[in-house]
PDB file of all heavy atoms in Angstrom:
ATOM      1  N   PHE A   1      39.403   3.453 -23.777  1.00  0.00           N
ATOM      2  CA  PHE A   1      38.012   3.771 -23.435  1.00  0.00           C
ATOM      3  C   PHE A   1      37.724   5.247 -23.704  1.00  0.00           C
ATOM      4  O   PHE A   1      36.700   5.602 -24.269  1.00  0.00           O
ATOM      5  CB  PHE A   1      37.770   3.450 -21.965  1.00  0.00           C
ATOM      6  CG  PHE A   1      36.377   3.762 -21.494  1.00  0.00           C
ATOM      7  CD1 PHE A   1      35.277   3.077 -21.999  1.00  0.00           C
ATOM      8  CD2 PHE A   1      36.164   4.748 -20.541  1.00  0.00           C
ATOM      9  CE1 PHE A   1      33.994   3.366 -21.555  1.00  0.00           C
ATOM     10  CE2 PHE A   1      34.882   5.045 -20.104  1.00  0.00           C
ATOM     11  CZ  PHE A   1      33.807   4.351 -20.609  1.00  0.00           C
ATOM     12  N   SER A   2      38.682   6.134 -23.329  1.00  0.00           N
ATOM     13  CA  SER A   2      38.513   7.565 -23.543  1.00  0.00           C
ATOM     14  C   SER A   2      38.415   7.888 -25.014  1.00  0.00           C
ATOM     15  O   SER A   2      37.598   8.697 -25.445  1.00  0.00           O
ATOM     16  CB  SER A   2      39.683   8.338 -22.914  1.00  0.00           C
ATOM     17  OG  SER A   2      39.741   8.106 -21.526  1.00  0.00           O
ATOM     18  N   ALA A   3      39.257   7.247 -25.815  1.00  0.00           N
ATOM     19  CA  ALA A   3      39.237   7.482 -27.267  1.00  0.00           C
ATOM     20  C   ALA A   3      37.916   7.043 -27.862  1.00  0.00           C
ATOM     21  O   ALA A   3      37.361   7.682 -28.761  1.00  0.00           O
ATOM     22  CB  ALA A   3      40.394   6.736 -27.933  1.00  0.00           C
ATOM     23  N   THR A   4      37.378   5.931 -27.370  1.00  0.00           N
ATOM     24  CA  THR A   4      36.086   5.449 -27.848  1.00  0.00           C
ATOM     25  C   THR A   4      34.991   6.461 -27.573  1.00  0.00           C
ATOM     26  O   THR A   4      34.132   6.726 -28.409  1.00  0.00           O
ATOM     27  CB  THR A   4      35.733   4.102 -27.170  1.00  0.00           C
ATOM     28  OG1 THR A   4      36.754   3.175 -27.457  1.00  0.00           O
ATOM     29  CG2 THR A   4      34.400   3.580 -27.680  1.00  0.00           C
ATOM     30  N   LEU A   5      35.016   7.065 -26.369  1.00  0.00           N
ATOM     31  CA  LEU A   5      34.010   8.061 -26.026  1.00  0.00           C
ATOM     32  C   LEU A   5      34.090   9.266 -26.938  1.00  0.00           C
ATOM     33  O   LEU A   5      33.077   9.790 -27.394  1.00  0.00           O
ATOM     34  CB  LEU A   5      34.198   8.509 -24.568  1.00  0.00           C
ATOM     35  CG  LEU A   5      33.968   7.465 -23.497  1.00  0.00           C
ATOM     36  CD1 LEU A   5      34.174   8.085 -22.110  1.00  0.00           C
ATOM     37  CD2 LEU A   5      32.566   6.877 -23.598  1.00  0.00           C
ATOM     38  N   VAL A   6      35.315   9.715 -27.238  1.00  0.00           N
ATOM     39  CA  VAL A   6      35.498  10.892 -28.091  1.00  0.00           C
ATOM     40  C   VAL A   6      35.026  10.607 -29.507  1.00  0.00           C
ATOM     41  O   VAL A   6      34.296  11.390 -30.113  1.00  0.00           O
ATOM     42  CB  VAL A   6      36.975  11.327 -28.088  1.00  0.00           C
ATOM     43  CG1 VAL A   6      37.208  12.405 -29.132  1.00  0.00           C
ATOM     44  CG2 VAL A   6      37.368  11.846 -26.710  1.00  0.00           C
ATOM     45  N   THR A   7      35.431   9.461 -30.062  1.00  0.00           N
ATOM     46  CA  THR A   7      35.092   9.158 -31.452  1.00  0.00           C
ATOM     47  C   THR A   7      33.603   8.892 -31.615  1.00  0.00           C
ATOM     48  O   THR A   7      33.052   9.094 -32.686  1.00  0.00           O
ATOM     49  CB  THR A   7      35.877   7.935 -31.949  1.00  0.00           C
ATOM     50  OG1 THR A   7      35.639   6.832 -31.060  1.00  0.00           O
ATOM     51  CG2 THR A   7      37.365   8.229 -31.977  1.00  0.00           C
ATOM     52  N   SER A   8      32.931   8.454 -30.573  1.00  0.00           N
ATOM     53  CA  SER A   8      31.487   8.216 -30.672  1.00  0.00           C
ATOM     54  C   SER A   8      30.687   9.452 -30.279  1.00  0.00           C
ATOM     55  O   SER A   8      29.476   9.405 -30.189  1.00  0.00           O
ATOM     56  CB  SER A   8      31.079   7.039 -29.778  1.00  0.00           C
ATOM     57  OG  SER A   8      31.323   7.352 -28.409  1.00  0.00           O
ATOM     58  N   LYS A   9      31.408  10.577 -30.032  1.00  0.00           N
ATOM     59  CA  LYS A   9      30.773  11.840 -29.671  1.00  0.00           C
ATOM     60  C   LYS A   9      29.917  11.701 -28.425  1.00  0.00           C
ATOM     61  O   LYS A   9      28.831  12.267 -28.315  1.00  0.00           O
ATOM     62  CB  LYS A   9      29.946  12.389 -30.846  1.00  0.00           C
ATOM     63  CG  LYS A   9      30.798  12.710 -32.069  1.00  0.00           C
ATOM     64  CD  LYS A   9      29.981  13.318 -33.173  1.00  0.00           C
ATOM     65  CE  LYS A   9      30.864  13.645 -34.373  1.00  0.00           C
ATOM     66  NZ  LYS A   9      30.093  14.237 -35.482  1.00  0.00           N
ATOM     67  N   TRP A  10      30.385  10.921 -27.473  1.00  0.00           N
ATOM     68  CA  TRP A  10      29.682  10.740 -26.209  1.00  0.00           C
ATOM     69  C   TRP A  10      29.619  12.051 -25.451  1.00  0.00           C
ATOM     70  O   TRP A  10      30.586  12.799 -25.407  1.00  0.00           O
ATOM     71  CB  TRP A  10      30.399   9.691 -25.371  1.00  0.00           C
ATOM     72  CG  TRP A  10      29.787   9.448 -24.021  1.00  0.00           C
ATOM     73  CD1 TRP A  10      28.754   8.610 -23.734  1.00  0.00           C
ATOM     74  CD2 TRP A  10      30.195  10.018 -22.782  1.00  0.00           C
ATOM     75  NE1 TRP A  10      28.493   8.622 -22.389  1.00  0.00           N
ATOM     76  CE2 TRP A  10      29.356   9.489 -21.779  1.00  0.00           C
ATOM     77  CE3 TRP A  10      31.180  10.934 -22.427  1.00  0.00           C
ATOM     78  CZ2 TRP A  10      29.474   9.832 -20.443  1.00  0.00           C
ATOM     79  CZ3 TRP A  10      31.293  11.286 -21.089  1.00  0.00           C
ATOM     80  CH2 TRP A  10      30.452  10.745 -20.121  1.00  0.00           C
ATOM     81  N   ILE A  11      28.449  12.363 -24.886  1.00  0.00           N
ATOM     82  CA  ILE A  11      28.255  13.597 -24.122  1.00  0.00           C
ATOM     83  C   ILE A  11      27.652  13.234 -22.777  1.00  0.00           C
ATOM     84  O   ILE A  11      26.692  12.453 -22.712  1.00  0.00           O
ATOM     85  CB  ILE A  11      27.297  14.557 -24.867  1.00  0.00           C
ATOM     86  CG1 ILE A  11      27.879  14.918 -26.238  1.00  0.00           C
ATOM     87  CG2 ILE A  11      27.068  15.824 -24.062  1.00  0.00           C
ATOM     88  CD1 ILE A  11      26.947  15.745 -27.095  1.00  0.00           C
ATOM     89  N   PRO A  12      28.172  13.762 -21.669  1.00  0.00           N
ATOM     90  CA  PRO A  12      27.598  13.477 -20.359  1.00  0.00           C
ATOM     91  C   PRO A  12      26.138  13.901 -20.290  1.00  0.00           C
ATOM     92  O   PRO A  12      25.716  14.836 -20.971  1.00  0.00           O
ATOM     93  CB  PRO A  12      28.454  14.328 -19.401  1.00  0.00           C
ATOM     94  CG  PRO A  12      29.715  14.593 -20.149  1.00  0.00           C
ATOM     95  CD  PRO A  12      29.325  14.657 -21.590  1.00  0.00           C
ATOM     96  N   GLU A  13      25.365  13.219 -19.482  1.00  0.00           N
ATOM     97  CA  GLU A  13      23.963  13.577 -19.327  1.00  0.00           C
ATOM     98  C   GLU A  13      23.834  14.961 -18.709  1.00  0.00           C
ATOM     99  O   GLU A  13      24.660  15.386 -17.926  1.00  0.00           O
ATOM    100  CB  GLU A  13      23.243  12.538 -18.471  1.00  0.00           C
ATOM    101  CG  GLU A  13      23.080  11.205 -19.188  1.00  0.00           C
ATOM    102  CD  GLU A  13      22.211  10.259 -18.420  1.00  0.00           C
ATOM    103  OE1 GLU A  13      22.168  10.380 -17.194  1.00  0.00           O
ATOM    104  OE2 GLU A  13      21.581   9.413 -19.042  1.00  0.00           O
ATOM    105  N   ARG A  14      22.772  15.648 -19.087  1.00  0.00           N
ATOM    106  CA  ARG A  14      22.590  17.044 -18.689  1.00  0.00           C
ATOM    107  C   ARG A  14      21.288  17.247 -17.923  1.00  0.00           C
ATOM    108  O   ARG A  14      20.534  16.368 -17.691  1.00  0.00           O
ATOM    109  CB  ARG A  14      22.587  17.930 -19.961  1.00  0.00           C
ATOM    110  CG  ARG A  14      23.855  17.796 -20.816  1.00  0.00           C
ATOM    111  CD  ARG A  14      25.033  18.467 -20.162  1.00  0.00           C
ATOM    112  NE  ARG A  14      26.198  18.479 -21.024  1.00  0.00           N
ATOM    113  CZ  ARG A  14      26.520  19.473 -21.842  1.00  0.00           C
ATOM    114  NH1 ARG A  14      25.759  20.530 -21.916  1.00  0.00           N
ATOM    115  NH2 ARG A  14      27.610  19.416 -22.570  1.00  0.00           N
ATOM    116  N   ILE A  15      20.872  18.368 -17.536  1.00  0.00           N
ATOM    117  CA  ILE A  15      19.881  19.182 -16.795  1.00  0.00           C
ATOM    118  C   ILE A  15      19.553  18.729 -15.386  1.00  0.00           C
ATOM    119  O   ILE A  15      19.377  19.638 -14.626  1.00  0.00           O
ATOM    120  CB  ILE A  15      18.561  19.449 -17.517  1.00  0.00           C
ATOM    121  CG1 ILE A  15      17.745  20.519 -16.788  1.00  0.00           C
ATOM    122  CG2 ILE A  15      17.750  18.263 -17.819  1.00  0.00           C
ATOM    123  CD1 ILE A  15      16.387  20.872 -17.320  1.00  0.00           C
ATOM    124  N   ALA A  16      19.546  17.652 -14.796  1.00  0.00           N
ATOM    125  CA  ALA A  16      20.353  16.444 -14.987  1.00  0.00           C
ATOM    126  C   ALA A  16      19.611  15.391 -15.855  1.00  0.00           C
ATOM    127  O   ALA A  16      18.411  15.282 -15.770  1.00  0.00           O
ATOM    128  CB  ALA A  16      20.638  15.846 -13.607  1.00  0.00           C
ATOM    129  N   GLY A  17      20.387  14.651 -16.591  1.00  0.00           N
ATOM    130  CA  GLY A  17      19.838  13.559 -17.378  1.00  0.00           C
ATOM    131  C   GLY A  17      19.074  13.998 -18.598  1.00  0.00           C
ATOM    132  O   GLY A  17      18.163  13.295 -19.017  1.00  0.00           O
ATOM    133  N   GLY A  18      19.432  15.149 -19.170  1.00  0.00           N
ATOM    134  CA  GLY A  18      18.685  15.660 -20.308  1.00  0.00           C
ATOM    135  C   GLY A  18      19.467  15.691 -21.599  1.00  0.00           C
ATOM    136  O   GLY A  18      20.514  15.063 -21.733  1.00  0.00           O
ATOM    137  N   HIS A  19      18.953  16.460 -22.552  1.00  0.00           N
ATOM    138  CA  HIS A  19      19.569  16.576 -23.869  1.00  0.00           C
ATOM    139  C   HIS A  19      19.385  17.999 -24.369  1.00  0.00           C
ATOM    140  O   HIS A  19      18.469  18.712 -23.953  1.00  0.00           O
ATOM    141  CB  HIS A  19      18.931  15.582 -24.842  1.00  0.00           C
ATOM    142  CG  HIS A  19      17.452  15.762 -24.988  1.00  0.00           C
ATOM    143  ND1 HIS A  19      16.552  15.203 -24.103  1.00  0.00           N
ATOM    144  CD2 HIS A  19      16.704  16.460 -25.877  1.00  0.00           C
ATOM    145  CE1 HIS A  19      15.311  15.531 -24.451  1.00  0.00           C
ATOM    146  NE2 HIS A  19      15.380  16.302 -25.527  1.00  0.00           N
ATOM    147  N   SER A  20      20.236  18.421 -25.291  1.00  0.00           N
ATOM    148  CA  SER A  20      20.156  19.759 -25.861  1.00  0.00           C
ATOM    149  C   SER A  20      18.937  19.874 -26.778  1.00  0.00           C
ATOM    150  O   SER A  20      18.611  18.940 -27.512  1.00  0.00           O
ATOM    151  CB  SER A  20      21.419  20.080 -26.656  1.00  0.00           C
ATOM    152  OG  SER A  20      22.563  20.042 -25.835  1.00  0.00           O
ATOM    153  N   VAL A  21      18.282  21.026 -26.717  1.00  0.00           N
ATOM    154  CA  VAL A  21      17.143  21.291 -27.599  1.00  0.00           C
ATOM    155  C   VAL A  21      17.235  22.715 -28.143  1.00  0.00           C
ATOM    156  O   VAL A  21      17.839  23.591 -27.518  1.00  0.00           O
ATOM    157  CB  VAL A  21      15.783  21.121 -26.878  1.00  0.00           C
ATOM    158  CG1 VAL A  21      15.508  19.674 -26.563  1.00  0.00           C
ATOM    159  CG2 VAL A  21      15.710  21.985 -25.632  1.00  0.00           C
ATOM    160  N   SER A  22      16.623  22.923 -29.279  1.00  0.00           N
ATOM    161  CA  SER A  22      16.513  24.264 -29.841  1.00  0.00           C
ATOM    162  C   SER A  22      15.417  25.024 -29.105  1.00  0.00           C
ATOM    163  O   SER A  22      14.449  24.434 -28.608  1.00  0.00           O
ATOM    164  CB  SER A  22      16.169  24.175 -31.335  1.00  0.00           C
ATOM    165  OG  SER A  22      15.727  25.427 -31.825  1.00  0.00           O
ATOM    166  N   ILE A  23      15.539  26.337 -29.044  1.00  0.00           N
ATOM    167  CA  ILE A  23      14.502  27.155 -28.423  1.00  0.00           C
ATOM    168  C   ILE A  23      13.175  26.977 -29.166  1.00  0.00           C
ATOM    169  O   ILE A  23      12.104  27.156 -28.578  1.00  0.00           O
ATOM    170  CB  ILE A  23      14.922  28.648 -28.406  1.00  0.00           C
ATOM    171  CG1 ILE A  23      13.981  29.477 -27.517  1.00  0.00           C
ATOM    172  CG2 ILE A  23      14.995  29.203 -29.809  1.00  0.00           C
ATOM    173  CD1 ILE A  23      13.987  29.098 -26.055  1.00  0.00           C
ATOM    174  N   LYS A  24      13.233  26.586 -30.433  1.00  0.00           N
ATOM    175  CA  LYS A  24      12.001  26.375 -31.195  1.00  0.00           C
ATOM    176  C   LYS A  24      11.212  25.172 -30.684  1.00  0.00           C
ATOM    177  O   LYS A  24      10.014  25.053 -30.938  1.00  0.00           O
ATOM    178  CB  LYS A  24      12.322  26.210 -32.681  1.00  0.00           C
ATOM    179  CG  LYS A  24      12.855  27.475 -33.329  1.00  0.00           C
ATOM    180  CD  LYS A  24      13.134  27.271 -34.809  1.00  0.00           C
ATOM    181  CE  LYS A  24      13.662  28.556 -35.444  1.00  0.00           C
ATOM    182  NZ  LYS A  24      13.948  28.376 -36.892  1.00  0.00           N
ATOM    183  N   ALA A  25      11.888  24.275 -29.967  1.00  0.00           N
ATOM    184  CA  ALA A  25      11.201  23.114 -29.385  1.00  0.00           C
ATOM    185  C   ALA A  25      10.460  23.482 -28.114  1.00  0.00           C
ATOM    186  O   ALA A  25       9.479  22.834 -27.742  1.00  0.00           O
ATOM    187  CB  ALA A  25      12.208  21.993 -29.109  1.00  0.00           C
ATOM    188  N   VAL A  26      10.953  24.523 -27.420  1.00  0.00           N
ATOM    189  CA  VAL A  26      10.313  25.003 -26.188  1.00  0.00           C
ATOM    190  C   VAL A  26      10.278  26.539 -26.233  1.00  0.00           C
ATOM    191  O   VAL A  26      10.925  27.209 -25.435  1.00  0.00           O
ATOM    192  CB  VAL A  26      11.046  24.497 -24.919  1.00  0.00           C
ATOM    193  CG1 VAL A  26      10.732  23.055 -24.635  1.00  0.00           C
ATOM    194  CG2 VAL A  26      12.557  24.672 -25.052  1.00  0.00           C
ATOM    195  N   PRO A  27       9.524  27.106 -27.186  1.00  0.00           N
ATOM    196  CA  PRO A  27       9.569  28.555 -27.437  1.00  0.00           C
ATOM    197  C   PRO A  27       9.019  29.416 -26.312  1.00  0.00           C
ATOM    198  O   PRO A  27       9.196  30.637 -26.336  1.00  0.00           O
ATOM    199  CB  PRO A  27       8.724  28.709 -28.717  1.00  0.00           C
ATOM    200  CG  PRO A  27       7.784  27.541 -28.687  1.00  0.00           C
ATOM    201  CD  PRO A  27       8.575  26.418 -28.086  1.00  0.00           C
ATOM    202  N   TRP A  28       8.382  28.808 -25.318  1.00  0.00           N
ATOM    203  CA  TRP A  28       7.872  29.536 -24.155  1.00  0.00           C
ATOM    204  C   TRP A  28       8.940  29.716 -23.083  1.00  0.00           C
ATOM    205  O   TRP A  28       8.748  30.430 -22.117  1.00  0.00           O
ATOM    206  CB  TRP A  28       6.688  28.784 -23.551  1.00  0.00           C
ATOM    207  CG  TRP A  28       6.926  27.306 -23.463  1.00  0.00           C
ATOM    208  CD1 TRP A  28       7.645  26.627 -22.524  1.00  0.00           C
ATOM    209  CD2 TRP A  28       6.488  26.321 -24.402  1.00  0.00           C
ATOM    210  NE1 TRP A  28       7.684  25.292 -22.792  1.00  0.00           N
ATOM    211  CE2 TRP A  28       6.968  25.059 -23.951  1.00  0.00           C
ATOM    212  CE3 TRP A  28       5.713  26.367 -25.572  1.00  0.00           C
ATOM    213  CZ2 TRP A  28       6.709  23.877 -24.642  1.00  0.00           C
ATOM    214  CZ3 TRP A  28       5.455  25.186 -26.257  1.00  0.00           C
ATOM    215  CH2 TRP A  28       5.952  23.961 -25.782  1.00  0.00           C
ATOM    216  N   GLN A  29      10.097  29.090 -23.274  1.00  0.00           N
ATOM    217  CA  GLN A  29      11.190  29.195 -22.304  1.00  0.00           C
ATOM    218  C   GLN A  29      11.848  30.572 -22.385  1.00  0.00           C
ATOM    219  O   GLN A  29      12.152  31.075 -23.460  1.00  0.00           O
ATOM    220  CB  GLN A  29      12.239  28.124 -22.594  1.00  0.00           C
ATOM    221  CG  GLN A  29      13.486  28.209 -21.729  1.00  0.00           C
ATOM    222  CD  GLN A  29      13.309  27.608 -20.355  1.00  0.00           C
ATOM    223  OE1 GLN A  29      12.869  26.466 -20.215  1.00  0.00           O
ATOM    224  NE2 GLN A  29      13.643  28.374 -19.323  1.00  0.00           N
ATOM    225  N   ALA A  30      12.073  31.171 -21.233  1.00  0.00           N
ATOM    226  CA  ALA A  30      12.776  32.457 -21.148  1.00  0.00           C
ATOM    227  C   ALA A  30      13.870  32.360 -20.101  1.00  0.00           C
ATOM    228  O   ALA A  30      13.844  31.486 -19.227  1.00  0.00           O
ATOM    229  CB  ALA A  30      11.801  33.573 -20.796  1.00  0.00           C
ATOM    230  N   SER A  31      14.836  33.260 -20.189  1.00  0.00           N
ATOM    231  CA  SER A  31      15.893  33.374 -19.193  1.00  0.00           C
ATOM    232  C   SER A  31      15.699  34.681 -18.438  1.00  0.00           C
ATOM    233  O   SER A  31      15.577  35.747 -19.051  1.00  0.00           O
ATOM    234  CB  SER A  31      17.272  33.356 -19.872  1.00  0.00           C
ATOM    235  OG  SER A  31      18.302  33.589 -18.932  1.00  0.00           O
ATOM    236  N   LEU A  32      15.622  34.604 -17.119  1.00  0.00           N
ATOM    237  CA  LEU A  32      15.485  35.796 -16.292  1.00  0.00           C
ATOM    238  C   LEU A  32      16.881  36.290 -15.927  1.00  0.00           C
ATOM    239  O   LEU A  32      17.647  35.587 -15.272  1.00  0.00           O
ATOM    240  CB  LEU A  32      14.677  35.472 -15.035  1.00  0.00           C
ATOM    241  CG  LEU A  32      14.392  36.643 -14.094  1.00  0.00           C
ATOM    242  CD1 LEU A  32      13.541  37.710 -14.783  1.00  0.00           C
ATOM    243  CD2 LEU A  32      13.687  36.150 -12.832  1.00  0.00           C
ATOM    244  N   LEU A  33      17.212  37.501 -16.368  1.00  0.00           N
ATOM    245  CA  LEU A  33      18.538  38.074 -16.145  1.00  0.00           C
ATOM    246  C   LEU A  33      18.524  38.999 -14.938  1.00  0.00           C
ATOM    247  O   LEU A  33      17.703  39.918 -14.855  1.00  0.00           O
ATOM    248  CB  LEU A  33      18.998  38.851 -17.373  1.00  0.00           C
ATOM    249  CG  LEU A  33      18.884  38.145 -18.736  1.00  0.00           C
ATOM    250  CD1 LEU A  33      19.363  39.070 -19.846  1.00  0.00           C
ATOM    251  CD2 LEU A  33      19.678  36.844 -18.746  1.00  0.00           C
ATOM    252  N   LYS A  34      19.427  38.751 -14.020  1.00  0.00           N
ATOM    253  CA  LYS A  34      19.590  39.597 -12.837  1.00  0.00           C
ATOM    254  C   LYS A  34      20.852  40.434 -13.020  1.00  0.00           C
ATOM    255  O   LYS A  34      21.944  39.895 -13.113  1.00  0.00           O
ATOM    256  CB  LYS A  34      19.708  38.718 -11.588  1.00  0.00           C
ATOM    257  CG  LYS A  34      19.934  39.473 -10.299  1.00  0.00           C
ATOM    258  CD  LYS A  34      20.048  38.492  -9.140  1.00  0.00           C
ATOM    259  CE  LYS A  34      20.347  39.177  -7.827  1.00  0.00           C
ATOM    260  NZ  LYS A  34      20.482  38.205  -6.704  1.00  0.00           N
TER     261      LYS A  34
END
């Protein structure tokens, strides 16, 4: 099962339940640095 996940490039859900995006998709997003 683990090998299947690796070979299919399975990635756990994020943000929660999200996906990676380029900053060009949400160009108004900023990071506030403390």
